Amino acid sequence: MHPFSVLTAGIFVAGYITARWDLVTRLYELAIFAWDHGVVTRAAKGFVVLSIAFFVIIVPIERIASHEADEVSPPALCLLLQADITTSTPEPEEGASPHANN
């Protein structure tokens, strides 16, 4: 390899390692800062509060909606939908292909 290329590759690798090491040390310092200022505890409390709100508000609403949906008799609903489909689609003329665009 040409000496200039070896020098260029060496500088690149050294810079890459230095940048990665800087990121690791900053991440470590950020983790210590977050732990010292109670960020982890506040995040855990927020997760617990949101979970409780989900189970107290959203789950009962979903259960009520599911119960109400089950009270509608499926055969009657199917008949209503079928009647709606048959009234909204025109019947094809006799002898004509149903897929023809005339």
N, C-alpha and C. Protein backbone atom coordinates (compact mmCIF):
# COMPACT_ATOMS: atom_id res chain seq x y z
N MET A 1 0.86 -1.18 0.00
CA MET A 1 0.00 0.00 0.00
C MET A 1 0.90 1.24 0.00
N HIS A 2 0.46 2.26 -0.63
CA HIS A 2 1.22 3.50 -0.70
C HIS A 2 1.32 4.12 0.70
N PRO A 3 2.46 4.70 1.08
CA PRO A 3 2.60 5.28 2.43
C PRO A 3 1.54 6.33 2.75
N PHE A 4 1.18 7.11 1.74
CA PHE A 4 0.14 8.12 2.00
C PHE A 4 -1.18 7.45 2.37
N SER A 5 -1.51 6.35 1.70
CA SER A 5 -2.76 5.64 1.99
C SER A 5 -2.73 5.03 3.38
N VAL A 6 -1.59 4.49 3.80
CA VAL A 6 -1.47 3.91 5.14
C VAL A 6 -1.64 5.01 6.18
N LEU A 7 -1.01 6.15 5.95
CA LEU A 7 -1.13 7.27 6.89
C LEU A 7 -2.58 7.75 6.95
N THR A 8 -3.24 7.85 5.81
CA THR A 8 -4.64 8.29 5.77
C THR A 8 -5.53 7.31 6.52
N ALA A 9 -5.33 6.02 6.28
CA ALA A 9 -6.14 5.01 6.97
C ALA A 9 -5.88 5.05 8.48
N GLY A 10 -4.62 5.23 8.87
CA GLY A 10 -4.29 5.30 10.30
C GLY A 10 -4.95 6.49 10.98
N ILE A 11 -4.93 7.64 10.33
CA ILE A 11 -5.57 8.83 10.89
C ILE A 11 -7.08 8.62 11.00
N PHE A 12 -7.65 8.01 9.97
CA PHE A 12 -9.10 7.75 10.00
C PHE A 12 -9.46 6.83 11.16
N VAL A 13 -8.71 5.74 11.32
CA VAL A 13 -9.00 4.79 12.40
C VAL A 13 -8.81 5.45 13.76
N ALA A 14 -7.77 6.24 13.93
CA ALA A 14 -7.54 6.92 15.20
C ALA A 14 -8.67 7.89 15.51
N GLY A 15 -9.11 8.63 14.50
CA GLY A 15 -10.22 9.56 14.71
C GLY A 15 -11.51 8.84 15.03
N TYR A 16 -11.73 7.72 14.37
CA TYR A 16 -12.95 6.94 14.62
C TYR A 16 -12.96 6.41 16.05
N ILE A 17 -11.83 5.85 16.49
CA ILE A 17 -11.75 5.32 17.85
C ILE A 17 -11.93 6.44 18.87
N THR A 18 -11.32 7.59 18.62
CA THR A 18 -11.46 8.72 19.53
C THR A 18 -12.91 9.18 19.62
N ALA A 19 -13.58 9.26 18.49
CA ALA A 19 -14.97 9.71 18.48
C ALA A 19 -15.85 8.71 19.23
N ARG A 20 -15.63 7.43 19.01
CA ARG A 20 -16.44 6.41 19.71
C ARG A 20 -16.18 6.47 21.21
N TRP A 21 -14.93 6.63 21.60
CA TRP A 21 -14.61 6.70 23.03
C TRP A 21 -15.28 7.92 23.65
N ASP A 22 -15.27 9.03 22.94
CA ASP A 22 -15.92 10.24 23.44
C ASP A 22 -17.42 10.01 23.63
N LEU A 23 -18.06 9.33 22.68
CA LEU A 23 -19.49 9.03 22.82
C LEU A 23 -19.77 8.13 24.01
N VAL A 24 -18.91 7.14 24.23
CA VAL A 24 -19.11 6.21 25.35
C VAL A 24 -18.96 6.94 26.67
N THR A 25 -17.94 7.79 26.78
CA THR A 25 -17.75 8.51 28.05
C THR A 25 -18.89 9.50 28.29
N ARG A 26 -19.39 10.14 27.24
CA ARG A 26 -20.52 11.06 27.41
C ARG A 26 -21.78 10.31 27.82
N LEU A 27 -21.99 9.14 27.25
CA LEU A 27 -23.14 8.33 27.63
C LEU A 27 -23.04 7.91 29.09
N TYR A 28 -21.84 7.54 29.51
CA TYR A 28 -21.61 7.16 30.90
C TYR A 28 -21.89 8.35 31.83
N GLU A 29 -21.39 9.52 31.48
CA GLU A 29 -21.63 10.71 32.29
C GLU A 29 -23.11 11.06 32.33
N LEU A 30 -23.80 10.90 31.21
CA LEU A 30 -25.24 11.17 31.17
C LEU A 30 -26.01 10.20 32.06
N ALA A 31 -25.61 8.94 32.07
CA ALA A 31 -26.27 7.95 32.92
C ALA A 31 -26.08 8.29 34.40
N ILE A 32 -24.87 8.70 34.77
CA ILE A 32 -24.62 9.09 36.16
C ILE A 32 -25.43 10.33 36.52
N PHE A 33 -25.46 11.32 35.63
CA PHE A 33 -26.24 12.54 35.87
C PHE A 33 -27.72 12.22 36.05
N ALA A 34 -28.25 11.36 35.18
CA ALA A 34 -29.67 10.99 35.26
C ALA A 34 -29.97 10.27 36.57
N TRP A 35 -29.07 9.38 36.97
CA TRP A 35 -29.29 8.64 38.22
C TRP A 35 -29.25 9.59 39.41
N ASP A 36 -28.30 10.53 39.43
CA ASP A 36 -28.17 11.48 40.54
C ASP A 36 -29.37 12.41 40.65
N HIS A 37 -30.00 12.73 39.53
CA HIS A 37 -31.12 13.66 39.55
C HIS A 37 -32.48 12.98 39.55
N GLY A 38 -32.52 11.68 39.76
CA GLY A 38 -33.78 10.96 39.91
C GLY A 38 -34.57 10.76 38.63
N VAL A 39 -33.91 10.82 37.49
CA VAL A 39 -34.62 10.65 36.23
C VAL A 39 -35.19 9.24 36.11
N VAL A 40 -34.44 8.26 36.55
CA VAL A 40 -34.89 6.87 36.46
C VAL A 40 -36.13 6.67 37.33
N THR A 41 -36.10 7.22 38.54
CA THR A 41 -37.24 7.08 39.45
C THR A 41 -38.47 7.78 38.88
N ARG A 42 -38.29 8.97 38.33
CA ARG A 42 -39.43 9.69 37.75
C ARG A 42 -39.99 8.96 36.54
N ALA A 43 -39.14 8.39 35.73
CA ALA A 43 -39.61 7.63 34.57
C ALA A 43 -40.38 6.40 35.01
N ALA A 44 -39.91 5.72 36.05
CA ALA A 44 -40.61 4.54 36.56
C ALA A 44 -41.97 4.94 37.14
N LYS A 45 -42.02 6.06 37.86
CA LYS A 45 -43.31 6.53 38.41
C LYS A 45 -44.27 6.89 37.28
N GLY A 46 -43.78 7.54 36.25
CA GLY A 46 -44.63 7.88 35.11
C GLY A 46 -45.17 6.64 34.42
N PHE A 47 -44.33 5.62 34.28
CA PHE A 47 -44.78 4.37 33.68
C PHE A 47 -45.88 3.73 34.52
N VAL A 48 -45.71 3.74 35.83
CA VAL A 48 -46.72 3.15 36.73
C VAL A 48 -48.03 3.94 36.64
N VAL A 49 -47.95 5.26 36.64
CA VAL A 49 -49.16 6.09 36.58
C VAL A 49 -49.89 5.86 35.25
N LEU A 50 -49.17 5.84 34.15
CA LEU A 50 -49.81 5.61 32.86
C LEU A 50 -50.40 4.20 32.76
N SER A 51 -49.74 3.22 33.34
CA SER A 51 -50.27 1.85 33.33
C SER A 51 -51.56 1.77 34.13
N ILE A 52 -51.57 2.39 35.30
CA ILE A 52 -52.79 2.38 36.13
C ILE A 52 -53.92 3.10 35.40
N ALA A 53 -53.62 4.24 34.79
CA ALA A 53 -54.66 4.97 34.04
C ALA A 53 -55.19 4.11 32.90
N PHE A 54 -54.33 3.38 32.23
CA PHE A 54 -54.77 2.50 31.15
C PHE A 54 -55.72 1.44 31.68
N PHE A 55 -55.35 0.79 32.78
CA PHE A 55 -56.18 -0.28 33.32
C PHE A 55 -57.46 0.23 33.96
N VAL A 56 -57.46 1.45 34.46
CA VAL A 56 -58.66 1.99 35.11
C VAL A 56 -59.62 2.61 34.10
N ILE A 57 -59.11 3.20 33.03
CA ILE A 57 -59.97 3.93 32.09
C ILE A 57 -60.18 3.16 30.78
N ILE A 58 -59.12 2.78 30.11
CA ILE A 58 -59.23 2.22 28.76
C ILE A 58 -59.79 0.80 28.77
N VAL A 59 -59.31 -0.05 29.65
CA VAL A 59 -59.76 -1.45 29.66
C VAL A 59 -61.26 -1.55 29.95
N PRO A 60 -61.81 -0.85 30.96
CA PRO A 60 -63.26 -0.95 31.17
C PRO A 60 -64.07 -0.43 29.98
N ILE A 61 -63.61 0.63 29.33
CA ILE A 61 -64.33 1.14 28.16
C ILE A 61 -64.34 0.10 27.05
N GLU A 62 -63.20 -0.58 26.85
CA GLU A 62 -63.13 -1.62 25.84
C GLU A 62 -64.06 -2.77 26.18
N ARG A 63 -64.13 -3.14 27.46
CA ARG A 63 -65.02 -4.23 27.88
C ARG A 63 -66.48 -3.86 27.66
N ILE A 64 -66.85 -2.62 27.99
CA ILE A 64 -68.24 -2.17 27.78
C ILE A 64 -68.56 -2.19 26.28
N ALA A 65 -67.65 -1.69 25.46
CA ALA A 65 -67.88 -1.67 24.02
C ALA A 65 -68.01 -3.08 23.46
N SER A 66 -67.19 -3.99 23.95
CA SER A 66 -67.26 -5.38 23.50
C SER A 66 -68.59 -6.01 23.90
N HIS A 67 -69.04 -5.72 25.12
CA HIS A 67 -70.32 -6.25 25.60
C HIS A 67 -71.48 -5.70 24.77
N GLU A 68 -71.44 -4.41 24.49
CA GLU A 68 -72.51 -3.79 23.69
C GLU A 68 -72.51 -4.34 22.26
N ALA A 69 -71.34 -4.59 21.71
CA ALA A 69 -71.26 -5.13 20.35
C ALA A 69 -71.79 -6.55 20.29
N ASP A 70 -71.61 -7.32 21.37
CA ASP A 70 -72.11 -8.69 21.40
C ASP A 70 -73.62 -8.75 21.52
N GLU A 71 -74.24 -7.68 22.02
CA GLU A 71 -75.70 -7.68 22.18
C GLU A 71 -76.42 -7.54 20.85
N VAL A 72 -75.78 -6.98 19.84
CA VAL A 72 -76.38 -6.90 18.51
C VAL A 72 -76.31 -8.30 17.93
N SER A 73 -77.47 -8.83 17.53
CA SER A 73 -77.47 -10.22 17.04
C SER A 73 -76.81 -10.28 15.67
N PRO A 74 -75.81 -11.10 15.50
CA PRO A 74 -75.10 -11.18 14.22
C PRO A 74 -75.98 -11.53 13.03
N PRO A 75 -76.98 -12.45 13.13
CA PRO A 75 -77.79 -12.72 11.94
C PRO A 75 -78.57 -11.50 11.46
N ALA A 76 -79.13 -10.73 12.41
CA ALA A 76 -79.88 -9.53 12.01
C ALA A 76 -78.95 -8.52 11.34
N LEU A 77 -77.75 -8.41 11.87
CA LEU A 77 -76.78 -7.48 11.29
C LEU A 77 -76.40 -7.94 9.88
N CYS A 78 -76.20 -9.23 9.69
CA CYS A 78 -75.86 -9.76 8.36
C CYS A 78 -77.00 -9.51 7.38
N LEU A 79 -78.25 -9.69 7.83
CA LEU A 79 -79.39 -9.44 6.95
C LEU A 79 -79.46 -7.97 6.55
N LEU A 80 -79.21 -7.09 7.52
CA LEU A 80 -79.22 -5.66 7.21
C LEU A 80 -78.13 -5.32 6.20
N LEU A 81 -76.94 -5.85 6.40
CA LEU A 81 -75.84 -5.56 5.48
C LEU A 81 -76.12 -6.15 4.10
N GLN A 82 -76.68 -7.36 4.06
CA GLN A 82 -76.98 -7.98 2.77
C GLN A 82 -78.06 -7.20 2.03
N ALA A 83 -79.09 -6.73 2.76
CA ALA A 83 -80.14 -5.94 2.13
C ALA A 83 -79.57 -4.63 1.59
N ASP A 84 -78.64 -4.04 2.32
CA ASP A 84 -78.03 -2.80 1.88
C ASP A 84 -77.19 -3.03 0.62
N ILE A 85 -76.49 -4.14 0.56
CA ILE A 85 -75.66 -4.44 -0.61
C ILE A 85 -76.52 -4.70 -1.83
N THR A 86 -77.61 -5.46 -1.66
CA THR A 86 -78.44 -5.79 -2.82
C THR A 86 -79.19 -4.58 -3.34
N THR A 87 -79.54 -3.63 -2.48
CA THR A 87 -80.26 -2.45 -2.96
C THR A 87 -79.31 -1.44 -3.59
N SER A 88 -78.05 -1.46 -3.23
CA SER A 88 -77.13 -0.46 -3.76
C SER A 88 -76.42 -0.91 -5.03
N THR A 89 -76.43 -2.22 -5.36
CA THR A 89 -75.78 -2.69 -6.58
C THR A 89 -76.82 -3.02 -7.63
N PRO A 90 -76.69 -2.44 -8.82
CA PRO A 90 -77.66 -2.75 -9.87
C PRO A 90 -77.45 -4.17 -10.40
N GLU A 91 -78.54 -4.79 -10.79
CA GLU A 91 -78.49 -6.15 -11.34
C GLU A 91 -77.99 -6.07 -12.78
N PRO A 92 -77.11 -6.98 -13.21
CA PRO A 92 -76.65 -6.96 -14.60
C PRO A 92 -77.76 -7.45 -15.53
N GLU A 93 -77.72 -6.93 -16.75
CA GLU A 93 -78.73 -7.35 -17.73
C GLU A 93 -78.51 -8.81 -18.08
N GLU A 94 -79.58 -9.45 -18.48
CA GLU A 94 -79.48 -10.87 -18.81
C GLU A 94 -78.59 -11.06 -20.04
N GLY A 95 -77.68 -11.99 -19.92
CA GLY A 95 -76.77 -12.28 -21.02
C GLY A 95 -75.52 -11.41 -21.00
N ALA A 96 -75.49 -10.37 -20.18
CA ALA A 96 -74.32 -9.49 -20.13
C ALA A 96 -73.36 -10.01 -19.08
N SER A 97 -72.09 -9.81 -19.32
CA SER A 97 -71.07 -10.22 -18.35
C SER A 97 -71.11 -9.25 -17.18
N PRO A 98 -71.05 -9.76 -15.94
CA PRO A 98 -71.11 -8.84 -14.79
C PRO A 98 -69.87 -7.96 -14.68
N HIS A 99 -68.78 -8.33 -15.36
CA HIS A 99 -67.55 -7.56 -15.26
C HIS A 99 -67.32 -6.65 -16.46
N ALA A 100 -68.26 -6.59 -17.38
CA ALA A 100 -68.09 -5.77 -18.59
C ALA A 100 -68.34 -4.31 -18.25
N ASN A 101 -67.55 -3.44 -18.82
CA ASN A 101 -67.71 -1.99 -18.62
C ASN A 101 -68.32 -1.39 -19.88
N ASN A 102 -69.65 -1.45 -20.01
CA ASN A 102 -70.33 -0.93 -21.21
C ASN A 102 -70.76 0.48 -20.99
